[in-house]
Amino acid sequence: MTFNENANVGGNKARRRGRGAAVAGGGVGIVGIAVLLISMFTGVDLTGLVGGGGAPQQEQTGGSEIANCETGADANANDACRLAAASLAIDQFWAENVEGYREPELIIVDVETGTQCGTASNATGPFYCPPEENVYVDPTFFALLRDRFDATAGPLAQLYVLAHEYGHHIQQITGTMQRYPDNGTGPDSNGVRMELQADCYAGAWVGAMTEQEDEAGVPFLEPPTRQQIADALNAAATVGDDHIQAASGGAVNPEGWTHGSSEMRQRWFDAGYDNGIGACDTFAVPGSSL
């Protein structure tokens, strides 16, 4: 379990959008998964490389509520509800730490939906779309990671992924994205620093995740176990640039990195988990310290 079973999560504002019940694609091989993981967390749709459509689309609006998602027990039983419920806790955390915080909209994707940042689907992986201030997640993506990339992708790992995307929202609304625009690839590029900071923000939330409560004062989440933390770190390692490059059959080339190595991602998650958001200024340290 991750959520307290009697926590009230019915107030979440997540919406389900798409074109039907999603099924993890059967035709994506190891190279395809590597491309999908490169897409993960970027807001850049690379599905054209694995058979999907990559052109920006008209943002779709509306959607339906997440059904049967009222209690922590519901969240523990269903991936979509777990993500929707976690948005309550993450929003509460950032509202307490960022003055003037505004909530992003969390979209749970069924198969695919159009966005200003490209098609959202399990092929693109979870991402944040800055012009919309929306977070998109297709829960079947986690099954893809488990089945094709030997990642455990358990409950806390899923919440780490979501909290990482919310970290990008913080960078958007606080002006970090504007102050540090894309300057290419490499181990100390702005892109890598941006991703590592989002990892750190995710760790900071996980470190404080038992402090957020429903209206009755019941904590949304239980303290994470050591195994759950290890699972979250495993997810961070899975999306390390060096791991992706090696898994796709190529040489490890730090100059091509956009997210950072597995070790870097785990270390910055730990920095946030141990020391809070004050430890997350990845733009203030020399490249050798990343």
Foldseek 3Di string as FASTA:
>chain_A
DWWDFAAFQVPFQAFEDEDDAADPDDPQALLLVLVLLVLAAPLADPCVVVPDDGAADDADDDGHDDPPQTGLNSLQVDVVSVLRSLLQLLQVVVPVPDPPDDRAHEYAYHQWGHHRSGIAHLSNAWYADLVRSYTYHHSCVLVCCVPHVVAPSDSLLSLLSSQLRVLVSVCNVVVVCVVQDFDAFALLTSLQLSQLLSLLSSLLCLLCQQVDGHPVRHRGTDNDDPVSLVSNLSSLQCSAQQNSQVSSPHHRDRRRDRHHHSVSSSVSSVQCNPPNSVSRNSVPDDSVVD
